[in-house]
Amino acid sequence: MKVIAFAATNHKKSINKQLVEYATTLLTKVEVEVLDLNNYELPLYGQDREEELGHPQLAKDFLAKIGESDGIIIAFAEHNGSYTVAYKNLFDWCSRIEPKVYQKKPMVLLATSPGSMGASNVLATAIQSAPYFDGVVKASLSIPSFFDNFDSEKKELKHEELDEQLRDAISHLNHLK
């Protein structure tokens, strides 16, 4: 069984990348590949660009990663209450190739931010929209106040209750068939 995981941002020091990397350590008996959106940077999507360029190979490659997986973990960064441009652009290109981007894969959706809301707005949007794109959301969790609740040196959650909630969320992917 294989799970792909990524932070839905291109920020190299992303706290969501730290969170998703920690989350993958909680998986057992599962092969994990952590993707970096910087490896899938594409021109800004638009219909004119699509007519000019067709479907970029990097978008096809990203969709193939989803297709080859048995499950997905995404940690969403929040920009102005919504998706980051890097994620939304890649998603838009992918949806033009395959409208059912998530290909019926079970998913755990996460989000964190430095603030007390924990990127809950973007997480709510992702949870609501995933089924329209054939995502099967098994669990979700927002981690508020990242710097208070995560030990970046040890690379783990230090808040016991949140850690237990994350372990429970991730456990849904330990039983993939």
Protein backbone atom coordinates (compact mmCIF):
# COMPACT_ATOMS: atom_id res chain seq x y z
CA MET A 1 0.00 0.00 0.00
CA LYS A 2 1.21 3.48 -0.83
CA VAL A 3 0.20 6.87 0.50
CA ILE A 4 1.22 10.18 -1.01
CA ALA A 5 1.39 13.22 1.22
CA PHE A 6 2.06 16.88 0.62
CA ALA A 7 1.64 20.36 1.97
CA ALA A 8 -0.63 22.41 -0.28
CA THR A 9 1.91 25.23 -0.51
CA ASN A 10 5.21 26.02 -2.19
CA HIS A 11 6.75 27.64 0.90
CA LYS A 12 10.06 25.87 1.54
CA LYS A 13 9.82 26.23 5.33
CA SER A 14 6.11 25.54 5.52
CA ILE A 15 4.66 24.61 8.87
CA ASN A 16 2.12 22.53 6.94
CA LYS A 17 4.99 20.57 5.42
CA GLN A 18 6.31 19.94 8.93
CA LEU A 19 2.86 18.76 9.97
CA VAL A 20 2.37 16.46 6.99
CA GLU A 21 5.86 14.98 7.40
CA TYR A 22 5.10 14.24 11.06
CA ALA A 23 1.73 12.76 10.12
CA THR A 24 3.40 10.32 7.73
CA THR A 25 5.56 8.97 10.57
CA LEU A 26 2.35 7.77 12.22
CA LEU A 27 1.57 5.40 9.35
CA THR A 28 2.46 1.74 9.75
CA LYS A 29 2.95 -0.93 7.09
CA VAL A 30 2.43 1.70 4.39
CA GLU A 31 4.89 3.05 1.83
CA VAL A 32 4.88 6.85 1.92
CA GLU A 33 6.01 9.41 -0.64
CA VAL A 34 6.05 13.04 0.43
CA LEU A 35 5.64 15.30 -2.59
CA ASP A 36 6.86 18.90 -2.86
CA LEU A 37 4.64 21.26 -4.87
CA ASN A 38 7.78 23.11 -5.96
CA ASN A 39 8.45 20.12 -8.22
CA TYR A 40 5.13 20.75 -9.99
CA GLU A 41 5.31 24.47 -10.70
CA LEU A 42 3.23 25.39 -13.73
CA PRO A 43 2.31 28.54 -15.64
CA LEU A 44 -0.72 30.34 -14.30
CA TYR A 45 -3.79 28.44 -15.51
CA GLY A 46 -6.14 30.08 -17.98
CA GLN A 47 -8.16 28.83 -20.93
CA ASP A 48 -5.93 30.70 -23.37
CA ARG A 49 -2.85 29.09 -21.82
CA GLU A 50 -4.48 25.67 -22.00
CA GLU A 51 -5.24 26.16 -25.71
CA GLU A 52 -1.66 27.31 -26.28
CA LEU A 53 0.16 24.72 -24.13
CA GLY A 54 -2.19 21.77 -23.96
CA HIS A 55 -1.89 19.76 -20.77
CA PRO A 56 1.52 20.19 -19.12
CA GLN A 57 3.50 17.07 -18.32
CA LEU A 58 3.96 18.12 -14.68
CA ALA A 59 0.18 18.15 -14.17
CA LYS A 60 -0.02 14.70 -15.76
CA ASP A 61 2.80 13.52 -13.49
CA PHE A 62 1.01 14.81 -10.39
CA LEU A 63 -2.22 13.08 -11.40
CA ALA A 64 -0.25 9.88 -11.98
CA LYS A 65 1.10 10.10 -8.41
CA ILE A 66 -2.48 10.30 -7.15
CA GLY A 67 -3.53 7.42 -9.40
CA GLU A 68 -0.66 5.20 -8.23
CA SER A 69 -1.46 5.80 -4.57
CA ASP A 70 -3.85 4.03 -2.25
CA GLY A 71 -4.44 7.12 -0.09
CA ILE A 72 -3.62 10.81 0.29
CA ILE A 73 -2.67 13.13 3.14
CA ILE A 74 -2.81 16.87 2.44
CA ALA A 75 -1.94 19.66 4.88
CA PHE A 76 -3.46 22.92 3.69
CA ALA A 77 -1.81 26.27 4.22
CA GLU A 78 -4.27 29.14 4.27
CA HIS A 79 -3.77 32.38 2.33
CA ASN A 80 -6.43 35.00 2.96
CA GLY A 81 -8.90 32.32 4.04
CA SER A 82 -8.40 30.12 0.99
CA TYR A 83 -6.01 27.83 -0.88
CA THR A 84 -2.50 28.94 -1.72
CA VAL A 85 -1.98 30.00 -5.32
CA ALA A 86 0.57 27.20 -5.82
CA TYR A 87 -1.93 24.50 -4.85
CA LYS A 88 -4.93 26.03 -6.60
CA ASN A 89 -3.02 26.48 -9.84
CA LEU A 90 -1.78 22.87 -9.86
CA PHE A 91 -5.26 21.66 -8.96
CA ASP A 92 -6.83 23.71 -11.77
CA TRP A 93 -4.43 22.27 -14.37
CA CYS A 94 -5.04 18.75 -13.07
CA SER A 95 -8.82 19.17 -13.10
CA ARG A 96 -8.70 20.07 -16.78
CA ILE A 97 -7.05 16.73 -17.51
CA GLU A 98 -9.06 14.63 -15.06
CA PRO A 99 -12.07 16.32 -13.44
CA LYS A 100 -12.13 13.66 -10.71
CA VAL A 101 -8.67 14.71 -9.51
CA TYR A 102 -8.63 12.59 -6.35
CA GLN A 103 -9.66 9.40 -8.17
CA LYS A 104 -11.73 7.89 -5.34
CA LYS A 105 -8.76 7.84 -2.98
CA PRO A 106 -9.28 7.87 0.78
CA MET A 107 -7.92 11.11 2.21
CA VAL A 108 -6.90 12.67 5.49
CA LEU A 109 -7.04 16.45 5.30
CA LEU A 110 -5.05 18.58 7.72
CA ALA A 111 -4.32 22.25 8.20
CA THR A 112 -2.35 24.43 10.55
CA SER A 113 -1.43 28.06 11.02
CA PRO A 114 0.32 30.19 13.63
CA GLY A 115 -3.07 31.55 14.72
CA SER A 116 -5.83 30.17 16.88
CA MET A 117 -8.02 29.25 13.89
CA GLY A 118 -5.52 26.71 12.54
CA ALA A 119 -6.35 27.40 8.88
CA SER A 120 -9.84 26.08 9.55
CA ASN A 121 -11.40 28.13 6.73
CA VAL A 122 -9.38 26.49 3.98
CA LEU A 123 -9.77 23.09 5.63
CA ALA A 124 -13.56 23.48 5.63
CA THR A 125 -13.46 24.40 1.94
CA ALA A 126 -11.27 21.39 1.14
CA ILE A 127 -13.53 19.01 3.08
CA GLN A 128 -16.63 20.34 1.34
CA SER A 129 -15.17 20.27 -2.17
CA ALA A 130 -13.22 16.98 -2.09
CA PRO A 131 -16.22 14.73 -2.86
CA TYR A 132 -16.94 16.70 -6.06
CA PHE A 133 -13.49 15.71 -7.25
CA ASP A 134 -13.82 12.06 -6.12
CA GLY A 135 -11.99 12.50 -2.83
CA VAL A 136 -13.13 10.25 -0.01
CA VAL A 137 -12.43 12.20 3.17
CA LYS A 138 -11.86 9.74 6.00
CA ALA A 139 -10.75 12.27 8.61
CA SER A 140 -9.69 15.87 9.02
CA LEU A 141 -7.98 17.94 11.68
CA SER A 142 -7.01 21.55 12.17
CA ILE A 143 -4.01 22.27 14.40
CA PRO A 144 -4.28 25.77 15.88
CA SER A 145 -1.36 27.86 17.13
CA PHE A 146 1.29 25.72 15.43
CA PHE A 147 4.27 27.18 17.25
CA ASP A 148 2.64 26.54 20.63
CA ASN A 149 1.59 22.98 19.78
CA PHE A 150 4.42 21.62 17.61
CA ASP A 151 8.05 21.04 18.54
CA SER A 152 9.96 21.88 15.35
CA GLU A 153 13.23 20.49 16.73
CA LYS A 154 11.74 17.10 17.67
CA LYS A 155 9.40 17.30 14.67
CA GLU A 156 6.33 16.22 16.61
CA LEU A 157 3.20 17.55 18.23
CA LYS A 158 3.79 18.39 21.87
CA HIS A 159 0.09 18.90 22.68
CA GLU A 160 -1.05 15.43 23.80
CA GLU A 161 -4.73 15.78 22.93
CA LEU A 162 -3.99 17.12 19.45
CA ASP A 163 -1.42 14.37 18.93
CA GLU A 164 -4.01 11.76 19.89
CA GLN A 165 -6.51 13.33 17.47
CA LEU A 166 -3.91 13.29 14.68
CA ARG A 167 -3.03 9.66 15.38
CA ASP A 168 -6.72 8.78 15.21
CA ALA A 169 -7.14 10.66 11.90
CA ILE A 170 -4.09 9.03 10.33
CA SER A 171 -5.16 5.57 11.54
CA HIS A 172 -7.84 5.63 8.82
CA LEU A 173 -5.07 5.18 6.25
CA ASN A 174 -3.35 2.34 8.11
CA HIS A 175 -6.13 0.00 7.05
CA LEU A 176 -6.12 0.53 3.29
CA LYS A 177 -6.78 -2.41 1.04
